[in-house]
Amino acid sequence: MFTKILDFNIFNRDKNALMNYIENFEKVNIISGNPEVLFNGLNNLELKKNFKSESSIIIPDGVGTVIASKILRKPVKEKIAGIDIFREILIKANLEERSIYLLGSKEETIKKCVENIKNEFPKLKISGFHNGFFDLNNCSDIIEDVKSGNPWAVFVAMGSPRQEIFIEKIIGNSNVHIFMGVGGVFDIFAGELKRAPKWMISLGLEWLYRVAKEPFRIKRLMAIPKFLLLVLKYRNKQISV
C-alpha cells in the first residue's frame, strides 16, 4: 500500500483505493507529495514530524514522485493529483451534506471559489473561509474561526511549506476529520486558472502547462532534480549494503 521514498511512505495505489483508505481514519492529513513538498519535509524537522505522523497520508502528486518510485523499483500505481482528491472530497461532502472550511489565496479568489463550489455542490455546507494573507505566528483568531464552525474538512491553499505549517498548528486541537493542503487549487476552482488539457495530464506534462501559464514556477522546478538526486544516492546506498 506504500512505497518508501527517502524518509516518507507514499501511498502507491489508485485514487479510489485512497478514498476508501481514508475512511479508516478519525482524523487524516492528506499531503500532496510532489518533490517540492517532500524536499521541504526533508529539510524542516517540524514538517518531517508532521509528514511521518500516523494521521498523515502522502499521495504521489507529481511526475517527479512517480519517477522516484520507479528509480527505487517500487512504482506507485498512478499519479494522484491533489485537485482530483479535492474534488472527490467535495463530492462526498455534498452527498453527505457535510461542511468544509476554505483558507488561502487572495480575498477575491477565495470568494469566487466559494461561489463556484456552492453552485456545483449545493448540498455541502461552507462553515467559513478566509484569505491566506496573515501572520502564521499570530493567527489564533483564524484557528478559532476554523474550529468554531466545526467543519468536516479543511482545505488550505497557501503553498508549501506555509500551508503545512498552518495545518500542524491546528490538527492536534480540533475535531476536523480531513485536512488537506491544496496549493493553487482555489485559483482553478475560481476560474482564474485552467487545468492542463487531458492529453497533457495523461502524459505527465501538467507541470509544463502550469509553468507556461505561470513562468515564476520554473524556479520551483529546481526541487525536482535535487530530490531525484537524493533518491538515486539512496538507491545506490541500499544496493551497496
C-alpha atoms as a PDB file:
ATOM      1  CA  MET A   1       0.000   0.000   0.000  1.00  0.00           C
ATOM      2  CA  PHE A   2       3.004   2.282   0.474  1.00  0.00           C
ATOM      3  CA  THR A   3       6.306   2.914  -1.273  1.00  0.00           C
ATOM      4  CA  LYS A   4       9.067   4.326   0.905  1.00  0.00           C
ATOM      5  CA  ILE A   5      10.852   7.219  -0.784  1.00  0.00           C
ATOM      6  CA  LEU A   6      13.683   8.504   1.382  1.00  0.00           C
ATOM      7  CA  ASP A   7      12.084   9.133   4.801  1.00  0.00           C
ATOM      8  CA  PHE A   8       8.477   9.086   3.659  1.00  0.00           C
ATOM      9  CA  ASN A   9       5.828   6.470   2.947  1.00  0.00           C
ATOM     10  CA  ILE A  10       3.973   7.324  -0.265  1.00  0.00           C
ATOM     11  CA  PHE A  11       0.527   5.860  -0.979  1.00  0.00           C
ATOM     12  CA  ASN A  12       1.018   3.600  -4.001  1.00  0.00           C
ATOM     13  CA  ARG A  13      -2.475   2.532  -5.033  1.00  0.00           C
ATOM     14  CA  ASP A  14      -5.056   4.386  -7.106  1.00  0.00           C
ATOM     15  CA  LYS A  15      -7.429   7.246  -6.340  1.00  0.00           C
ATOM     16  CA  ASN A  16     -10.399   5.035  -5.490  1.00  0.00           C
ATOM     17  CA  ALA A  17      -8.306   2.974  -3.078  1.00  0.00           C
ATOM     18  CA  LEU A  18      -7.181   6.193  -1.407  1.00  0.00           C
ATOM     19  CA  MET A  19     -10.747   7.414  -0.882  1.00  0.00           C
ATOM     20  CA  ASN A  20     -11.619   4.070   0.703  1.00  0.00           C
ATOM     21  CA  TYR A  21      -8.475   4.088   2.826  1.00  0.00           C
ATOM     22  CA  ILE A  22      -9.094   7.480   4.437  1.00  0.00           C
ATOM     23  CA  GLU A  23     -12.395   6.146   5.765  1.00  0.00           C
ATOM     24  CA  ASN A  24     -10.321   4.240   8.340  1.00  0.00           C
ATOM     25  CA  PHE A  25      -9.140   7.446   9.975  1.00  0.00           C
ATOM     26  CA  GLU A  26     -10.816   9.507  12.660  1.00  0.00           C
ATOM     27  CA  LYS A  27      -8.560  12.384  11.605  1.00  0.00           C
ATOM     28  CA  VAL A  28      -6.401  12.490   8.486  1.00  0.00           C
ATOM     29  CA  ASN A  29      -3.983  14.932   6.873  1.00  0.00           C
ATOM     30  CA  ILE A  30      -3.684  14.396   3.120  1.00  0.00           C
ATOM     31  CA  ILE A  31      -0.344  15.672   1.856  1.00  0.00           C
ATOM     32  CA  SER A  32       0.205  16.306  -1.840  1.00  0.00           C
ATOM     33  CA  GLY A  33       3.644  14.740  -2.111  1.00  0.00           C
ATOM     34  CA  ASN A  34       5.264  16.416  -5.070  1.00  0.00           C
ATOM     35  CA  PRO A  35       9.089  16.760  -4.995  1.00  0.00           C
ATOM     36  CA  GLU A  36       8.952  20.347  -3.721  1.00  0.00           C
ATOM     37  CA  VAL A  37       6.756  19.433  -0.756  1.00  0.00           C
ATOM     38  CA  LEU A  38       8.786  16.317   0.077  1.00  0.00           C
ATOM     39  CA  PHE A  39      12.057  18.235  -0.260  1.00  0.00           C
ATOM     40  CA  ASN A  40      10.708  20.810   2.201  1.00  0.00           C
ATOM     41  CA  GLY A  41       9.801  17.962   4.534  1.00  0.00           C
ATOM     42  CA  LEU A  42      13.317  16.567   4.434  1.00  0.00           C
ATOM     43  CA  ASN A  43      14.767  19.919   5.451  1.00  0.00           C
ATOM     44  CA  ASN A  44      12.277  21.013   8.100  1.00  0.00           C
ATOM     45  CA  LEU A  45      12.070  18.963  11.300  1.00  0.00           C
ATOM     46  CA  GLU A  46       8.559  20.196  12.106  1.00  0.00           C
ATOM     47  CA  LEU A  47       7.264  19.257   8.676  1.00  0.00           C
ATOM     48  CA  LYS A  48       9.073  15.919   8.734  1.00  0.00           C
ATOM     49  CA  LYS A  49       7.379  15.021  12.006  1.00  0.00           C
ATOM     50  CA  ASN A  50       4.019  16.023  10.552  1.00  0.00           C
ATOM     51  CA  PHE A  51       4.556  14.074   7.311  1.00  0.00           C
ATOM     52  CA  LYS A  52       5.516  10.931   9.231  1.00  0.00           C
ATOM     53  CA  SER A  53       2.596  11.146  11.650  1.00  0.00           C
ATOM     54  CA  GLU A  54       0.204   8.190  11.821  1.00  0.00           C
ATOM     55  CA  SER A  55      -2.605  10.538  10.802  1.00  0.00           C
ATOM     56  CA  SER A  56      -0.840  11.669   7.607  1.00  0.00           C
ATOM     57  CA  ILE A  57      -1.148  10.165   4.125  1.00  0.00           C
ATOM     58  CA  ILE A  58       1.221  11.335   1.408  1.00  0.00           C
ATOM     59  CA  ILE A  59      -0.097  10.994  -2.131  1.00  0.00           C
ATOM     60  CA  PRO A  60       2.163  10.889  -5.227  1.00  0.00           C
ATOM     61  CA  ASP A  61       1.122  14.264  -6.612  1.00  0.00           C
ATOM     62  CA  GLY A  62       3.813  14.976  -9.172  1.00  0.00           C
ATOM     63  CA  VAL A  63       5.614  13.258 -12.013  1.00  0.00           C
ATOM     64  CA  GLY A  64       8.876  13.617 -10.065  1.00  0.00           C
ATOM     65  CA  THR A  65       7.480  11.486  -7.252  1.00  0.00           C
ATOM     66  CA  VAL A  66       6.297   8.881  -9.746  1.00  0.00           C
ATOM     67  CA  ILE A  67       9.787   8.796 -11.316  1.00  0.00           C
ATOM     68  CA  ALA A  68      11.358   8.450  -7.866  1.00  0.00           C
ATOM     69  CA  SER A  69       9.223   5.392  -7.130  1.00  0.00           C
ATOM     70  CA  LYS A  70      10.384   3.818 -10.399  1.00  0.00           C
ATOM     71  CA  ILE A  71      14.019   4.570  -9.595  1.00  0.00           C
ATOM     72  CA  LEU A  72      13.538   2.641  -6.366  1.00  0.00           C
ATOM     73  CA  ARG A  73      11.863  -0.185  -8.312  1.00  0.00           C
ATOM     74  CA  LYS A  74       8.723   0.131  -6.189  1.00  0.00           C
ATOM     75  CA  PRO A  75       6.478   2.099  -8.551  1.00  0.00           C
ATOM     76  CA  VAL A  76       3.275   3.736  -7.430  1.00  0.00           C
ATOM     77  CA  LYS A  77       0.225   2.680  -9.416  1.00  0.00           C
ATOM     78  CA  GLU A  78      -0.549   6.187 -10.646  1.00  0.00           C
ATOM     79  CA  LYS A  79      -0.015   9.847 -10.031  1.00  0.00           C
ATOM     80  CA  ILE A  80      -2.777  11.117  -7.736  1.00  0.00           C
ATOM     81  CA  ALA A  81      -3.347  14.822  -8.273  1.00  0.00           C
ATOM     82  CA  GLY A  82      -4.356  16.849  -5.248  1.00  0.00           C
ATOM     83  CA  ILE A  83      -7.041  18.648  -7.232  1.00  0.00           C
ATOM     84  CA  ASP A  84      -8.687  15.311  -8.067  1.00  0.00           C
ATOM     85  CA  ILE A  85      -8.807  14.330  -4.389  1.00  0.00           C
ATOM     86  CA  PHE A  86     -10.128  17.786  -3.506  1.00  0.00           C
ATOM     87  CA  ARG A  87     -12.984  17.237  -5.945  1.00  0.00           C
ATOM     88  CA  GLU A  88     -13.662  13.710  -4.642  1.00  0.00           C
ATOM     89  CA  ILE A  89     -13.938  15.054  -1.104  1.00  0.00           C
ATOM     90  CA  LEU A  90     -16.320  17.791  -2.269  1.00  0.00           C
ATOM     91  CA  ILE A  91     -18.480  15.164  -3.978  1.00  0.00           C
ATOM     92  CA  LYS A  92     -18.605  13.136  -0.767  1.00  0.00           C
ATOM     93  CA  ALA A  93     -19.310  16.236   1.349  1.00  0.00           C
ATOM     94  CA  ASN A  94     -22.156  17.132  -1.000  1.00  0.00           C
ATOM     95  CA  LEU A  95     -23.684  13.647  -0.887  1.00  0.00           C
ATOM     96  CA  GLU A  96     -23.461  13.503   2.904  1.00  0.00           C
ATOM     97  CA  GLU A  97     -24.278  17.197   3.443  1.00  0.00           C
ATOM     98  CA  ARG A  98     -21.005  17.798   5.290  1.00  0.00           C
ATOM     99  CA  SER A  99     -19.333  21.137   5.966  1.00  0.00           C
ATOM    100  CA  ILE A 100     -15.964  22.449   4.803  1.00  0.00           C
ATOM    101  CA  TYR A 101     -13.709  25.422   5.543  1.00  0.00           C
ATOM    102  CA  LEU A 102     -11.518  27.096   2.909  1.00  0.00           C
ATOM    103  CA  LEU A 103      -8.358  29.003   3.787  1.00  0.00           C
ATOM    104  CA  GLY A 104      -5.936  30.675   1.395  1.00  0.00           C
ATOM    105  CA  SER A 105      -5.493  32.679  -1.824  1.00  0.00           C
ATOM    106  CA  LYS A 106      -6.476  36.318  -2.344  1.00  0.00           C
ATOM    107  CA  GLU A 107      -9.784  37.617  -0.998  1.00  0.00           C
ATOM    108  CA  GLU A 108     -11.404  37.937  -4.416  1.00  0.00           C
ATOM    109  CA  THR A 109     -10.140  34.499  -5.452  1.00  0.00           C
ATOM    110  CA  ILE A 110     -11.471  32.640  -2.436  1.00  0.00           C
ATOM    111  CA  LYS A 111     -14.841  34.411  -2.670  1.00  0.00           C
ATOM    112  CA  LYS A 112     -15.204  33.321  -6.291  1.00  0.00           C
ATOM    113  CA  CYS A 113     -14.056  29.815  -5.371  1.00  0.00           C
ATOM    114  CA  VAL A 114     -16.682  29.615  -2.621  1.00  0.00           C
ATOM    115  CA  GLU A 115     -19.371  30.843  -5.026  1.00  0.00           C
ATOM    116  CA  ASN A 116     -18.474  28.247  -7.653  1.00  0.00           C
ATOM    117  CA  ILE A 117     -18.317  25.413  -5.123  1.00  0.00           C
ATOM    118  CA  LYS A 118     -21.757  26.359  -3.790  1.00  0.00           C
ATOM    119  CA  ASN A 119     -23.166  26.336  -7.312  1.00  0.00           C
ATOM    120  CA  GLU A 120     -21.699  22.949  -8.199  1.00  0.00           C
ATOM    121  CA  PHE A 121     -22.208  21.275  -4.813  1.00  0.00           C
ATOM    122  CA  PRO A 122     -25.365  22.868  -3.337  1.00  0.00           C
ATOM    123  CA  LYS A 123     -25.823  20.362  -0.503  1.00  0.00           C
ATOM    124  CA  LEU A 124     -22.443  20.777   1.143  1.00  0.00           C
ATOM    125  CA  LYS A 125     -22.087  23.494   3.758  1.00  0.00           C
ATOM    126  CA  ILE A 126     -19.274  26.043   3.865  1.00  0.00           C
ATOM    127  CA  SER A 127     -18.688  26.785   7.531  1.00  0.00           C
ATOM    128  CA  GLY A 128     -16.330  29.638   6.724  1.00  0.00           C
ATOM    129  CA  PHE A 129     -13.450  30.910   4.639  1.00  0.00           C
ATOM    130  CA  HIS A 130     -10.507  33.297   4.924  1.00  0.00           C
ATOM    131  CA  ASN A 131      -7.805  34.585   2.611  1.00  0.00           C
ATOM    132  CA  GLY A 132      -4.220  33.413   3.025  1.00  0.00           C
ATOM    133  CA  PHE A 133      -2.644  36.753   3.893  1.00  0.00           C
ATOM    134  CA  PHE A 134      -1.939  36.641   7.619  1.00  0.00           C
ATOM    135  CA  ASP A 135       0.918  36.113  10.064  1.00  0.00           C
ATOM    136  CA  LEU A 136       1.425  32.407  10.758  1.00  0.00           C
ATOM    137  CA  ASN A 137       2.943  33.296  14.120  1.00  0.00           C
ATOM    138  CA  ASN A 138      -0.081  35.327  15.139  1.00  0.00           C
ATOM    139  CA  CYS A 139      -3.162  33.549  13.807  1.00  0.00           C
ATOM    140  CA  SER A 140      -5.009  32.264  16.878  1.00  0.00           C
ATOM    141  CA  ASP A 141      -8.116  34.171  15.759  1.00  0.00           C
ATOM    142  CA  ILE A 142      -8.164  32.309  12.437  1.00  0.00           C
ATOM    143  CA  ILE A 143      -7.623  28.965  14.151  1.00  0.00           C
ATOM    144  CA  GLU A 144     -10.570  29.700  16.458  1.00  0.00           C
ATOM    145  CA  ASP A 145     -12.698  30.733  13.478  1.00  0.00           C
ATOM    146  CA  VAL A 146     -11.985  27.408  11.775  1.00  0.00           C
ATOM    147  CA  LYS A 147     -12.728  25.432  14.929  1.00  0.00           C
ATOM    148  CA  SER A 148     -15.912  27.336  15.767  1.00  0.00           C
ATOM    149  CA  GLY A 149     -17.541  26.226  12.509  1.00  0.00           C
ATOM    150  CA  ASN A 150     -16.790  22.561  13.328  1.00  0.00           C
ATOM    151  CA  PRO A 151     -16.119  21.650   9.664  1.00  0.00           C
ATOM    152  CA  TRP A 152     -15.740  18.085   8.449  1.00  0.00           C
ATOM    153  CA  ALA A 153     -12.877  19.063   6.126  1.00  0.00           C
ATOM    154  CA  VAL A 154     -10.428  21.968   5.970  1.00  0.00           C
ATOM    155  CA  PHE A 155      -8.563  22.899   2.788  1.00  0.00           C
ATOM    156  CA  VAL A 156      -5.545  25.196   2.970  1.00  0.00           C
ATOM    157  CA  ALA A 157      -4.235  26.828  -0.212  1.00  0.00           C
ATOM    158  CA  MET A 158      -1.156  28.813   0.776  1.00  0.00           C
ATOM    159  CA  GLY A 159       1.700  26.964  -0.923  1.00  0.00           C
ATOM    160  CA  SER A 160       4.375  24.826   0.696  1.00  0.00           C
ATOM    161  CA  PRO A 161       5.560  24.918   3.428  1.00  0.00           C
ATOM    162  CA  ARG A 162       3.166  27.630   4.643  1.00  0.00           C
ATOM    163  CA  GLN A 163       0.015  25.526   4.303  1.00  0.00           C
ATOM    164  CA  GLU A 164       1.591  22.520   6.024  1.00  0.00           C
ATOM    165  CA  ILE A 165       2.770  24.708   8.911  1.00  0.00           C
ATOM    166  CA  PHE A 166      -0.757  26.026   9.453  1.00  0.00           C
ATOM    167  CA  ILE A 167      -2.226  22.521   9.419  1.00  0.00           C
ATOM    168  CA  GLU A 168       0.347  21.451  12.014  1.00  0.00           C
ATOM    169  CA  LYS A 169      -0.838  24.290  14.261  1.00  0.00           C
ATOM    170  CA  ILE A 170      -4.475  23.193  14.246  1.00  0.00           C
ATOM    171  CA  ILE A 171      -4.619  19.459  13.598  1.00  0.00           C
ATOM    172  CA  GLY A 172      -3.970  18.406  17.185  1.00  0.00           C
ATOM    173  CA  ASN A 173      -6.606  20.576  18.837  1.00  0.00           C
ATOM    174  CA  SER A 174      -9.650  20.374  16.570  1.00  0.00           C
ATOM    175  CA  ASN A 175     -12.376  17.890  15.650  1.00  0.00           C
ATOM    176  CA  VAL A 176     -11.849  18.253  11.897  1.00  0.00           C
ATOM    177  CA  HIS A 177     -11.866  14.914  10.064  1.00  0.00           C
ATOM    178  CA  ILE A 178      -9.907  15.830   6.912  1.00  0.00           C
ATOM    179  CA  PHE A 179      -7.106  18.334   6.446  1.00  0.00           C
ATOM    180  CA  MET A 180      -5.512  18.949   3.084  1.00  0.00           C
ATOM    181  CA  GLY A 181      -3.027  21.435   1.681  1.00  0.00           C
ATOM    182  CA  VAL A 182      -4.151  22.182  -1.864  1.00  0.00           C
ATOM    183  CA  GLY A 183      -1.696  24.727  -3.294  1.00  0.00           C
ATOM    184  CA  GLY A 184      -3.191  26.528  -6.298  1.00  0.00           C
ATOM    185  CA  VAL A 185      -6.462  24.590  -6.431  1.00  0.00           C
ATOM    186  CA  PHE A 186      -8.599  27.567  -5.371  1.00  0.00           C
ATOM    187  CA  ASP A 187      -7.335  29.532  -8.386  1.00  0.00           C
ATOM    188  CA  ILE A 188      -8.600  26.774 -10.676  1.00  0.00           C
ATOM    189  CA  PHE A 189     -11.984  26.450  -8.952  1.00  0.00           C
ATOM    190  CA  ALA A 190     -12.331  30.228  -9.030  1.00  0.00           C
ATOM    191  CA  GLY A 191     -11.874  30.110 -12.790  1.00  0.00           C
ATOM    192  CA  GLU A 192      -8.721  32.241 -12.702  1.00  0.00           C
ATOM    193  CA  LEU A 193      -6.555  29.418 -13.993  1.00  0.00           C
ATOM    194  CA  LYS A 194      -7.347  26.487 -16.244  1.00  0.00           C
ATOM    195  CA  ARG A 195      -6.085  22.989 -15.687  1.00  0.00           C
ATOM    196  CA  ALA A 196      -3.913  21.389 -18.361  1.00  0.00           C
ATOM    197  CA  PRO A 197      -5.652  19.548 -21.238  1.00  0.00           C
ATOM    198  CA  LYS A 198      -6.359  15.892 -20.527  1.00  0.00           C
ATOM    199  CA  TRP A 199      -3.737  14.705 -23.014  1.00  0.00           C
ATOM    200  CA  MET A 200      -1.023  16.635 -21.163  1.00  0.00           C
ATOM    201  CA  ILE A 201      -2.214  15.279 -17.821  1.00  0.00           C
ATOM    202  CA  SER A 202      -2.150  11.695 -19.162  1.00  0.00           C
ATOM    203  CA  LEU A 203       1.405  12.193 -20.444  1.00  0.00           C
ATOM    204  CA  GLY A 204       2.588  13.612 -17.122  1.00  0.00           C
ATOM    205  CA  LEU A 205       3.081  17.090 -18.597  1.00  0.00           C
ATOM    206  CA  GLU A 206       0.741  19.069 -16.373  1.00  0.00           C
ATOM    207  CA  TRP A 207       3.785  20.723 -14.772  1.00  0.00           C
ATOM    208  CA  LEU A 208       4.846  22.060 -18.183  1.00  0.00           C
ATOM    209  CA  TYR A 209       1.428  23.600 -18.778  1.00  0.00           C
ATOM    210  CA  ARG A 210       1.492  25.301 -15.380  1.00  0.00           C
ATOM    211  CA  VAL A 211       4.981  26.706 -15.966  1.00  0.00           C
ATOM    212  CA  ALA A 212       3.854  28.046 -19.353  1.00  0.00           C
ATOM    213  CA  LYS A 213       0.928  29.802 -17.676  1.00  0.00           C
ATOM    214  CA  GLU A 214       2.905  30.901 -14.588  1.00  0.00           C
ATOM    215  CA  PRO A 215       6.587  31.306 -15.534  1.00  0.00           C
ATOM    216  CA  PHE A 216       7.558  32.116 -11.930  1.00  0.00           C
ATOM    217  CA  ARG A 217       7.081  28.414 -11.165  1.00  0.00           C
ATOM    218  CA  ILE A 218      10.218  27.498 -13.110  1.00  0.00           C
ATOM    219  CA  LYS A 219      12.369  28.287 -10.062  1.00  0.00           C
ATOM    220  CA  ARG A 220      10.361  25.804  -8.026  1.00  0.00           C
ATOM    221  CA  LEU A 221      11.124  23.058 -10.546  1.00  0.00           C
ATOM    222  CA  MET A 222      14.700  23.016  -9.239  1.00  0.00           C
ATOM    223  CA  ALA A 223      13.421  20.917  -6.351  1.00  0.00           C
ATOM    224  CA  ILE A 224      12.797  18.036  -8.767  1.00  0.00           C
ATOM    225  CA  PRO A 225      16.417  17.293  -9.827  1.00  0.00           C
ATOM    226  CA  LYS A 226      17.627  17.862  -6.252  1.00  0.00           C
ATOM    227  CA  PHE A 227      15.035  15.413  -4.979  1.00  0.00           C
ATOM    228  CA  LEU A 228      15.740  12.787  -7.645  1.00  0.00           C
ATOM    229  CA  LEU A 229      19.477  13.055  -6.979  1.00  0.00           C
ATOM    230  CA  LEU A 230      18.844  12.250  -3.326  1.00  0.00           C
ATOM    231  CA  VAL A 231      16.688   9.289  -4.393  1.00  0.00           C
ATOM    232  CA  LEU A 232      19.475   7.986  -6.650  1.00  0.00           C
ATOM    233  CA  LYS A 233      22.010   8.281  -3.844  1.00  0.00           C
ATOM    234  CA  TYR A 234      19.627   6.493  -1.501  1.00  0.00           C
ATOM    235  CA  ARG A 235      19.083   3.661  -4.002  1.00  0.00           C
ATOM    236  CA  ASN A 236      22.798   3.239  -4.631  1.00  0.00           C
ATOM    237  CA  LYS A 237      23.452   3.158  -0.912  1.00  0.00           C
ATOM    238  CA  GLN A 238      20.807   0.464  -0.470  1.00  0.00           C
ATOM    239  CA  ILE A 239      22.318  -1.592  -3.305  1.00  0.00           C
ATOM    240  CA  SER A 240      25.818  -1.371  -1.866  1.00  0.00           C
ATOM    241  CA  VAL A 241      24.763  -2.506   1.604  1.00  0.00           C
END
